[in-house]
C-alpha atoms as a PDB file:
ATOM      1  CA  MET A   1      34.529 -21.116 -13.302  1.00  0.00           C
ATOM      2  CA  ASP A   2      32.280 -24.031 -12.268  1.00  0.00           C
ATOM      3  CA  ARG A   3      29.727 -25.320 -14.753  1.00  0.00           C
ATOM      4  CA  PRO A   4      26.551 -23.888 -13.177  1.00  0.00           C
ATOM      5  CA  LEU A   5      28.047 -20.392 -13.122  1.00  0.00           C
ATOM      6  CA  ALA A   6      29.273 -20.827 -16.697  1.00  0.00           C
ATOM      7  CA  GLU A   7      25.742 -21.691 -17.824  1.00  0.00           C
ATOM      8  CA  ILE A   8      24.286 -18.738 -15.929  1.00  0.00           C
ATOM      9  CA  GLU A   9      26.833 -16.472 -17.605  1.00  0.00           C
ATOM     10  CA  PHE A  10      25.956 -18.011 -20.986  1.00  0.00           C
ATOM     11  CA  LEU A  11      22.338 -16.950 -20.511  1.00  0.00           C
ATOM     12  CA  ALA A  12      23.055 -13.599 -18.888  1.00  0.00           C
ATOM     13  CA  ARG A  13      25.262 -12.449 -21.776  1.00  0.00           C
ATOM     14  CA  SER A  14      22.288 -12.387 -24.141  1.00  0.00           C
ATOM     15  CA  GLU A  15      18.818 -10.956 -23.618  1.00  0.00           C
ATOM     16  CA  ASN A  16      17.753 -12.869 -26.714  1.00  0.00           C
ATOM     17  CA  ARG A  17      18.634 -16.227 -25.149  1.00  0.00           C
ATOM     18  CA  VAL A  18      16.494 -15.459 -22.120  1.00  0.00           C
ATOM     19  CA  ALA A  19      13.696 -14.132 -24.338  1.00  0.00           C
ATOM     20  CA  VAL A  20      13.676 -17.313 -26.454  1.00  0.00           C
ATOM     21  CA  LEU A  21      13.539 -19.521 -23.344  1.00  0.00           C
ATOM     22  CA  THR A  22      10.719 -17.412 -21.921  1.00  0.00           C
ATOM     23  CA  GLU A  23       8.739 -17.594 -25.152  1.00  0.00           C
ATOM     24  CA  LEU A  24       9.186 -21.371 -25.474  1.00  0.00           C
ATOM     25  CA  ALA A  25       7.964 -21.808 -21.890  1.00  0.00           C
ATOM     26  CA  ASP A  26       4.484 -20.994 -23.252  1.00  0.00           C
ATOM     27  CA  GLY A  27       4.605 -23.767 -25.859  1.00  0.00           C
ATOM     28  CA  PRO A  28       6.168 -24.769 -29.173  1.00  0.00           C
ATOM     29  CA  ARG A  29       7.155 -21.958 -31.521  1.00  0.00           C
ATOM     30  CA  SER A  30       8.442 -21.774 -35.078  1.00  0.00           C
ATOM     31  CA  ARG A  31      11.527 -19.689 -35.839  1.00  0.00           C
ATOM     32  CA  GLN A  32       9.296 -17.098 -37.460  1.00  0.00           C
ATOM     33  CA  GLU A  33       7.127 -16.901 -34.329  1.00  0.00           C
ATOM     34  CA  LEU A  34      10.213 -16.625 -32.134  1.00  0.00           C
ATOM     35  CA  GLY A  35      11.547 -13.841 -34.321  1.00  0.00           C
ATOM     36  CA  SER A  36       8.288 -11.881 -34.095  1.00  0.00           C
ATOM     37  CA  ALA A  37       8.047 -12.362 -30.333  1.00  0.00           C
ATOM     38  CA  THR A  38      11.667 -11.562 -29.436  1.00  0.00           C
ATOM     39  CA  GLY A  39      12.802  -9.198 -32.196  1.00  0.00           C
ATOM     40  CA  ALA A  40      15.890 -11.351 -32.791  1.00  0.00           C
ATOM     41  CA  SER A  41      17.102 -11.833 -36.363  1.00  0.00           C
ATOM     42  CA  GLN A  42      16.894 -15.249 -37.987  1.00  0.00           C
ATOM     43  CA  PRO A  43      20.716 -15.726 -37.978  1.00  0.00           C
ATOM     44  CA  THR A  44      20.749 -14.886 -34.248  1.00  0.00           C
ATOM     45  CA  LEU A  45      17.874 -17.277 -33.593  1.00  0.00           C
ATOM     46  CA  GLY A  46      19.704 -19.978 -35.521  1.00  0.00           C
ATOM     47  CA  ARG A  47      22.751 -19.654 -33.270  1.00  0.00           C
ATOM     48  CA  ILE A  48      20.628 -19.570 -30.100  1.00  0.00           C
ATOM     49  CA  LEU A  49      18.615 -22.641 -31.059  1.00  0.00           C
ATOM     50  CA  ARG A  50      21.739 -24.583 -32.004  1.00  0.00           C
ATOM     51  CA  ASP A  51      23.281 -23.720 -28.634  1.00  0.00           C
ATOM     52  CA  PHE A  52      20.085 -24.799 -26.878  1.00  0.00           C
ATOM     53  CA  GLU A  53      19.947 -28.060 -28.851  1.00  0.00           C
ATOM     54  CA  GLU A  54      23.543 -28.816 -27.862  1.00  0.00           C
ATOM     55  CA  ARG A  55      22.487 -28.431 -24.236  1.00  0.00           C
ATOM     56  CA  THR A  56      19.342 -30.517 -24.874  1.00  0.00           C
ATOM     57  CA  TRP A  57      17.203 -27.601 -23.716  1.00  0.00           C
ATOM     58  CA  VAL A  58      15.094 -27.647 -26.898  1.00  0.00           C
ATOM     59  CA  THR A  59      14.019 -30.202 -29.425  1.00  0.00           C
ATOM     60  CA  ARG A  60      12.639 -29.695 -32.929  1.00  0.00           C
ATOM     61  CA  ARG A  61       9.097 -30.904 -33.673  1.00  0.00           C
ATOM     62  CA  PRO A  62       6.907 -30.563 -36.753  1.00  0.00           C
ATOM     63  CA  GLU A  63       5.027 -27.748 -35.002  1.00  0.00           C
ATOM     64  CA  GLY A  64       8.240 -25.924 -34.097  1.00  0.00           C
ATOM     65  CA  TYR A  65      10.825 -25.801 -31.333  1.00  0.00           C
ATOM     66  CA  GLU A  66       9.841 -27.119 -27.923  1.00  0.00           C
ATOM     67  CA  LEU A  67      11.495 -27.144 -24.511  1.00  0.00           C
ATOM     68  CA  THR A  68      12.732 -30.449 -23.147  1.00  0.00           C
ATOM     69  CA  PRO A  69      12.055 -31.251 -19.473  1.00  0.00           C
ATOM     70  CA  THR A  70      15.490 -29.880 -18.526  1.00  0.00           C
ATOM     71  CA  GLY A  71      14.976 -26.873 -20.764  1.00  0.00           C
ATOM     72  CA  ARG A  72      11.718 -26.137 -18.972  1.00  0.00           C
ATOM     73  CA  LEU A  73      13.535 -26.495 -15.661  1.00  0.00           C
ATOM     74  CA  VAL A  74      16.038 -23.842 -16.766  1.00  0.00           C
ATOM     75  CA  ALA A  75      13.280 -21.564 -18.116  1.00  0.00           C
ATOM     76  CA  GLU A  76      11.349 -21.766 -14.850  1.00  0.00           C
ATOM     77  CA  GLY A  77      14.520 -21.091 -12.868  1.00  0.00           C
ATOM     78  CA  ILE A  78      15.342 -18.026 -14.960  1.00  0.00           C
ATOM     79  CA  ALA A  79      11.779 -16.711 -14.542  1.00  0.00           C
ATOM     80  CA  GLU A  80      11.985 -17.197 -10.772  1.00  0.00           C
ATOM     81  CA  PHE A  81      15.381 -15.518 -10.549  1.00  0.00           C
ATOM     82  CA  SER A  82      14.142 -12.622 -12.688  1.00  0.00           C
ATOM     83  CA  ALA A  83      11.206 -12.179 -10.306  1.00  0.00           C
ATOM     84  CA  VAL A  84      13.562 -12.136  -7.321  1.00  0.00           C
ATOM     85  CA  VAL A  85      15.841  -9.530  -8.897  1.00  0.00           C
ATOM     86  CA  GLU A  86      12.864  -7.426 -10.035  1.00  0.00           C
ATOM     87  CA  THR A  87      11.552  -7.386  -6.463  1.00  0.00           C
ATOM     88  CA  GLU A  88      14.982  -6.585  -5.017  1.00  0.00           C
ATOM     89  CA  LEU A  89      15.377  -3.637  -7.375  1.00  0.00           C
ATOM     90  CA  LYS A  90      11.937  -2.360  -6.349  1.00  0.00           C
ATOM     91  CA  LEU A  91      12.845  -2.484  -2.643  1.00  0.00           C
ATOM     92  CA  ARG A  92      16.533  -1.581  -2.796  1.00  0.00           C
ATOM     93  CA  GLU A  93      16.278   2.161  -2.107  1.00  0.00           C
ATOM     94  CA  PHE A  94      14.454   1.721   1.198  1.00  0.00           C
ATOM     95  CA  VAL A  95      15.146  -1.872   2.270  1.00  0.00           C
ATOM     96  CA  GLU A  96      17.139  -0.646   5.289  1.00  0.00           C
ATOM     97  CA  TRP A  97      13.932   0.822   6.749  1.00  0.00           C
ATOM     98  CA  LEU A  98      11.651  -2.140   6.130  1.00  0.00           C
ATOM     99  CA  PRO A  99      10.463  -3.644   9.436  1.00  0.00           C
ATOM    100  CA  ALA A 100      12.000  -6.982   8.484  1.00  0.00           C
ATOM    101  CA  GLU A 101      11.236  -8.626  11.821  1.00  0.00           C
ATOM    102  CA  GLU A 102       7.513  -8.080  11.224  1.00  0.00           C
ATOM    103  CA  LEU A 103       7.342  -9.031   7.540  1.00  0.00           C
ATOM    104  CA  SER A 104       6.785 -12.755   7.898  1.00  0.00           C
ATOM    105  CA  PHE A 105       5.731 -13.249   4.269  1.00  0.00           C
ATOM    106  CA  ASP A 106       8.106 -13.936   1.369  1.00  0.00           C
ATOM    107  CA  LEU A 107       9.200 -10.581  -0.052  1.00  0.00           C
ATOM    108  CA  ARG A 108       8.612 -11.957  -3.540  1.00  0.00           C
ATOM    109  CA  GLN A 109       4.927 -11.356  -2.810  1.00  0.00           C
ATOM    110  CA  LEU A 110       5.734  -7.655  -3.325  1.00  0.00           C
ATOM    111  CA  ARG A 111       6.887  -8.172  -6.892  1.00  0.00           C
ATOM    112  CA  ASP A 112       3.765  -6.537  -8.342  1.00  0.00           C
ATOM    113  CA  ALA A 113       3.403  -3.906  -5.610  1.00  0.00           C
ATOM    114  CA  THR A 114       2.909  -0.285  -6.605  1.00  0.00           C
ATOM    115  CA  VAL A 115       5.750   1.815  -5.169  1.00  0.00           C
ATOM    116  CA  THR A 116       5.238   5.552  -4.656  1.00  0.00           C
ATOM    117  CA  VAL A 117       8.193   7.689  -3.606  1.00  0.00           C
ATOM    118  CA  PRO A 118       8.504  11.414  -2.838  1.00  0.00           C
ATOM    119  CA  THR A 119       9.770  13.662  -5.608  1.00  0.00           C
ATOM    120  CA  ARG A 120      10.756  17.313  -5.737  1.00  0.00           C
ATOM    121  CA  THR A 121       7.448  18.240  -7.304  1.00  0.00           C
ATOM    122  CA  ARG A 122       5.392  15.776  -5.209  1.00  0.00           C
ATOM    123  CA  PRO A 123       7.060  15.393  -1.811  1.00  0.00           C
ATOM    124  CA  GLY A 124       3.803  14.099  -0.331  1.00  0.00           C
ATOM    125  CA  ALA A 125       3.254  11.467  -3.012  1.00  0.00           C
ATOM    126  CA  PRO A 126       3.355   8.451  -0.636  1.00  0.00           C
ATOM    127  CA  VAL A 127       0.591   9.882   1.564  1.00  0.00           C
ATOM    128  CA  GLY A 128      -1.278  10.957  -1.552  1.00  0.00           C
ATOM    129  CA  ARG A 129      -1.273   7.363  -2.756  1.00  0.00           C
ATOM    130  CA  VAL A 130      -2.765   6.106   0.517  1.00  0.00           C
ATOM    131  CA  ILE A 131      -5.434   8.814   0.376  1.00  0.00           C
ATOM    132  CA  GLU A 132      -6.195   7.769  -3.197  1.00  0.00           C
ATOM    133  CA  LEU A 133      -6.774   4.182  -2.034  1.00  0.00           C
ATOM    134  CA  LEU A 134      -8.971   5.484   0.780  1.00  0.00           C
ATOM    135  CA  GLY A 135     -11.328   6.980  -1.766  1.00  0.00           C
ATOM    136  CA  ARG A 136     -11.951   3.565  -3.307  1.00  0.00           C
ATOM    137  CA  THR A 137     -13.293   1.811  -0.224  1.00  0.00           C
ATOM    138  CA  ASP A 138     -16.010   2.032   2.433  1.00  0.00           C
ATOM    139  CA  GLU A 139     -13.935   0.511   5.230  1.00  0.00           C
ATOM    140  CA  VAL A 140     -10.294   0.841   6.286  1.00  0.00           C
ATOM    141  CA  THR A 141      -8.129  -0.622   9.025  1.00  0.00           C
ATOM    142  CA  VAL A 142      -4.902   1.058  10.160  1.00  0.00           C
ATOM    143  CA  LEU A 143      -2.018  -0.076  12.343  1.00  0.00           C
ATOM    144  CA  SER A 144       0.566   2.665  12.846  1.00  0.00           C
ATOM    145  CA  HIS A 145       3.152   4.354  15.038  1.00  0.00           C
ATOM    146  CA  ALA A 146       2.622   7.909  13.789  1.00  0.00           C
ATOM    147  CA  PHE A 147       0.105  10.410  12.473  1.00  0.00           C
ATOM    148  CA  ASN A 148       0.439  12.558   9.388  1.00  0.00           C
ATOM    149  CA  ASP A 149      -1.562  15.795   9.331  1.00  0.00           C
ATOM    150  CA  ARG A 150      -2.651  15.385   5.727  1.00  0.00           C
ATOM    151  CA  MET A 151      -3.631  11.763   6.270  1.00  0.00           C
ATOM    152  CA  LEU A 152      -5.453  12.575   9.498  1.00  0.00           C
ATOM    153  CA  GLU A 153      -7.472  15.287   7.769  1.00  0.00           C
ATOM    154  CA  ALA A 154      -8.374  12.985   4.867  1.00  0.00           C
ATOM    155  CA  VAL A 155      -9.385  10.112   7.132  1.00  0.00           C
ATOM    156  CA  THR A 156     -11.465  12.367   9.382  1.00  0.00           C
ATOM    157  CA  GLU A 157     -13.395  13.831   6.462  1.00  0.00           C
ATOM    158  CA  TRP A 158     -13.814  10.369   4.919  1.00  0.00           C
ATOM    159  CA  VAL A 159     -15.230   8.914   8.165  1.00  0.00           C
ATOM    160  CA  GLU A 160     -17.549  11.877   8.633  1.00  0.00           C
ATOM    161  CA  GLY A 161     -18.737  11.189   5.097  1.00  0.00           C
ATOM    162  CA  GLY A 162     -19.827   7.679   6.031  1.00  0.00           C
ATOM    163  CA  GLY A 163     -16.650   5.576   5.953  1.00  0.00           C
ATOM    164  CA  ARG A 164     -15.819   3.029   8.646  1.00  0.00           C
ATOM    165  CA  PHE A 165     -12.429   3.299  10.332  1.00  0.00           C
ATOM    166  CA  GLU A 166     -10.634   1.009  12.764  1.00  0.00           C
ATOM    167  CA  GLY A 167      -7.190   1.951  14.016  1.00  0.00           C
ATOM    168  CA  VAL A 168      -4.584   0.726  16.463  1.00  0.00           C
ATOM    169  CA  PHE A 169      -1.869   3.278  17.252  1.00  0.00           C
ATOM    170  CA  SER A 170       1.134   3.269  19.528  1.00  0.00           C
ATOM    171  CA  ALA A 171       0.725   5.337  22.692  1.00  0.00           C
ATOM    172  CA  ALA A 172       3.773   7.340  21.613  1.00  0.00           C
ATOM    173  CA  ALA A 173       1.844   8.539  18.565  1.00  0.00           C
ATOM    174  CA  ILE A 174      -0.817  10.251  20.671  1.00  0.00           C
ATOM    175  CA  GLU A 175       1.303  12.785  22.575  1.00  0.00           C
ATOM    176  CA  PRO A 176       2.443  14.890  19.581  1.00  0.00           C
ATOM    177  CA  VAL A 177      -1.170  14.991  18.362  1.00  0.00           C
ATOM    178  CA  ALA A 178      -2.457  16.145  21.741  1.00  0.00           C
ATOM    179  CA  ASP A 179       0.237  18.836  21.841  1.00  0.00           C
ATOM    180  CA  ASP A 180      -0.834  20.298  18.484  1.00  0.00           C
ATOM    181  CA  GLU A 181      -4.111  22.193  18.700  1.00  0.00           C
ATOM    182  CA  ALA A 182      -5.047  21.713  15.039  1.00  0.00           C
ATOM    183  CA  LEU A 183      -4.201  18.017  15.013  1.00  0.00           C
ATOM    184  CA  ALA A 184      -5.921  17.459  18.346  1.00  0.00           C
ATOM    185  CA  GLY A 185      -9.067  19.022  16.928  1.00  0.00           C
ATOM    186  CA  LEU A 186      -8.985  16.770  13.881  1.00  0.00           C
ATOM    187  CA  PHE A 187      -8.273  13.716  15.955  1.00  0.00           C
ATOM    188  CA  GLY A 188     -11.086  14.606  18.337  1.00  0.00           C
ATOM    189  CA  ARG A 189     -13.485  14.704  15.404  1.00  0.00           C
ATOM    190  CA  LEU A 190     -12.208  11.312  14.251  1.00  0.00           C
ATOM    191  CA  VAL A 191     -12.643   9.841  17.721  1.00  0.00           C
ATOM    192  CA  ASP A 192     -16.195  11.194  17.978  1.00  0.00           C
ATOM    193  CA  ALA A 193     -17.284  10.025  14.514  1.00  0.00           C
ATOM    194  CA  ASP A 194     -19.876   7.229  14.506  1.00  0.00           C
ATOM    195  CA  GLY A 195     -17.893   5.016  12.133  1.00  0.00           C
ATOM    196  CA  SER A 196     -14.600   5.286  14.010  1.00  0.00           C
ATOM    197  CA  THR A 197     -12.985   2.882  16.479  1.00  0.00           C
ATOM    198  CA  ILE A 198      -9.520   3.721  17.860  1.00  0.00           C
ATOM    199  CA  ARG A 199      -7.373   1.686  20.201  1.00  0.00           C
ATOM    200  CA  ILE A 200      -3.965   2.308  21.788  1.00  0.00           C
ATOM    201  CA  TYR A 201      -1.047  -0.114  21.986  1.00  0.00           C
ATOM    202  CA  GLU A 202       1.339   0.667  24.823  1.00  0.00           C
ATOM    203  CA  GLY A 203       4.510  -0.728  23.254  1.00  0.00           C
ATOM    204  CA  PRO A 204       6.296   0.196  20.036  1.00  0.00           C
ATOM    205  CA  VAL A 205       4.511  -0.363  16.724  1.00  0.00           C
ATOM    206  CA  PRO A 206       7.124  -0.803  13.981  1.00  0.00           C
ATOM    207  CA  LEU A 207       4.568  -0.793  11.173  1.00  0.00           C
ATOM    208  CA  ALA A 208       2.398   1.663   9.307  1.00  0.00           C
ATOM    209  CA  VAL A 209      -0.137  -0.537   7.530  1.00  0.00           C
ATOM    210  CA  THR A 210      -3.406   0.390   5.856  1.00  0.00           C
ATOM    211  CA  VAL A 211      -5.847  -2.356   4.880  1.00  0.00           C
ATOM    212  CA  THR A 212      -8.792  -1.660   2.585  1.00  0.00           C
ATOM    213  CA  ASP A 213     -11.158  -4.177   1.039  1.00  0.00           C
ATOM    214  CA  ASP A 214      -8.852  -4.875  -1.892  1.00  0.00           C
ATOM    215  CA  ARG A 215      -5.357  -3.539  -1.101  1.00  0.00           C
ATOM    216  CA  VAL A 216      -2.732  -3.390   1.613  1.00  0.00           C
ATOM    217  CA  GLY A 217      -0.571  -0.284   1.942  1.00  0.00           C
ATOM    218  CA  LEU A 218       2.739   0.059   3.754  1.00  0.00           C
ATOM    219  CA  LEU A 219       4.247   3.436   4.593  1.00  0.00           C
ATOM    220  CA  ILE A 220       8.037   3.299   4.916  1.00  0.00           C
ATOM    221  CA  ARG A 221       9.760   5.893   7.120  1.00  0.00           C
ATOM    222  CA  ASP A 222      13.484   6.423   7.635  1.00  0.00           C
ATOM    223  CA  ASP A 223      15.205   6.625  11.024  1.00  0.00           C
ATOM    224  CA  ASP A 224      14.223  10.298  11.323  1.00  0.00           C
ATOM    225  CA  GLY A 225      10.557   9.597  10.652  1.00  0.00           C
ATOM    226  CA  ARG A 226      10.558  10.967   7.094  1.00  0.00           C
ATOM    227  CA  LEU A 227       8.380   9.122   4.599  1.00  0.00           C
ATOM    228  CA  GLN A 228      10.495   7.394   1.978  1.00  0.00           C
ATOM    229  CA  ALA A 229       7.906   5.315   0.140  1.00  0.00           C
ATOM    230  CA  ALA A 230       4.445   3.824   0.053  1.00  0.00           C
ATOM    231  CA  LEU A 231       3.930   0.267  -1.150  1.00  0.00           C
ATOM    232  CA  ASP A 232       0.514  -1.122  -1.944  1.00  0.00           C
ATOM    233  CA  THR A 233      -0.512  -4.504  -3.253  1.00  0.00           C
ATOM    234  CA  ASP A 234      -3.551  -6.702  -3.772  1.00  0.00           C
ATOM    235  CA  ASP A 235      -1.539  -9.861  -3.066  1.00  0.00           C
ATOM    236  CA  ALA A 236      -3.651 -12.289  -1.016  1.00  0.00           C
ATOM    237  CA  VAL A 237      -0.707 -13.514   1.069  1.00  0.00           C
ATOM    238  CA  VAL A 238       0.232  -9.956   2.058  1.00  0.00           C
ATOM    239  CA  ALA A 239      -3.411  -9.178   2.825  1.00  0.00           C
ATOM    240  CA  ALA A 240      -3.648 -12.191   5.154  1.00  0.00           C
ATOM    241  CA  TRP A 241      -0.415 -11.146   6.871  1.00  0.00           C
ATOM    242  CA  ALA A 242      -1.651  -7.560   7.339  1.00  0.00           C
ATOM    243  CA  ARG A 243      -4.954  -8.643   8.867  1.00  0.00           C
ATOM    244  CA  ASP A 244      -3.171 -11.038  11.192  1.00  0.00           C
ATOM    245  CA  ALA A 245      -0.704  -8.335  12.273  1.00  0.00           C
ATOM    246  CA  TYR A 246      -3.558  -5.918  12.965  1.00  0.00           C
ATOM    247  CA  GLU A 247      -5.435  -8.487  15.032  1.00  0.00           C
ATOM    248  CA  ARG A 248      -2.351  -9.310  17.103  1.00  0.00           C
ATOM    249  CA  TYR A 249      -1.796  -5.686  18.050  1.00  0.00           C
ATOM    250  CA  ARG A 250      -5.515  -5.055  18.526  1.00  0.00           C
ATOM    251  CA  ASP A 251      -5.810  -7.975  20.948  1.00  0.00           C
ATOM    252  CA  GLU A 252      -3.130  -6.384  23.164  1.00  0.00           C
ATOM    253  CA  SER A 253      -4.425  -2.823  22.880  1.00  0.00           C
ATOM    254  CA  ARG A 254      -6.957  -0.802  24.866  1.00  0.00           C
ATOM    255  CA  PRO A 255      -9.709   1.624  23.855  1.00  0.00           C
ATOM    256  CA  LEU A 256      -8.561   5.231  23.518  1.00  0.00           C
ATOM    257  CA  ASP A 257      -8.992   7.242  26.686  1.00  0.00           C
ATOM    258  CA  ALA A 258     -10.560  10.571  25.763  1.00  0.00           C
ATOM    259  CA  GLU A 259      -8.340  12.238  28.385  1.00  0.00           C
ATOM    260  CA  ALA A 260      -5.377  11.487  26.140  1.00  0.00           C
ATOM    261  CA  LEU A 261      -6.477  14.434  24.021  1.00  0.00           C
ATOM    262  CA  ASP A 262      -6.731  16.818  26.942  1.00  0.00           C
ATOM    263  CA  THR A 263      -4.266  19.517  25.908  1.00  0.00           C
ATOM    264  CA  ASP A 264      -4.603  21.210  29.266  1.00  0.00           C
ATOM    265  CA  GLY A 265      -2.486  18.345  30.689  1.00  0.00           C
END
């Protein structure tokens, strides 16, 4: 095994080693402070600190143990790698359905995202999460390729209650709505509402993005159109990406033609 991999294995074999490095990244610590913070016993801490001193990752000062410049480099690398793995684990179950070609931001920006998935008792949990976010704002922007009856009902009632709605939808999303009398009625109310602006994009829209004043939501559907998850985040980079994506599709869209809802064909 080459030396870098051997050192990675050395750290990975012990949660306590990683915990000590992480704690020391915040400043010097005594052995007692390290024990309280990590839960490691004093004999275990003694072995860890000796190993770290042999690698010149830590040095002993009057105020306690302190990371050396190379020790800090290792600690920062471990923190970064942990963040990457944490994000990967969060996205793993539905990564195959992420619109990767559209997600121009670093996926690490989703590390702190809230993920909502369907369950047996709450199959509509992803939509429920988006509706929950809707109730916290006065204005929402949507870019999407599909309508959901529950979401459409919630948005329509919210707009009629004074909310402001802007949406760009794929043309393919309109036909199934027009063919369903109940959905067409709801959508007609949304179109007619004073605070509503709806535009149609003729090509495919591979995203389902909701932007409120403080969060961005992504609805993830599988190849059969079934909702698999909702992600939402307040990350500024993701928010800038979402607004840019909406503006790009909006600039190439057209106002909704009321005849599109004519169910008499």
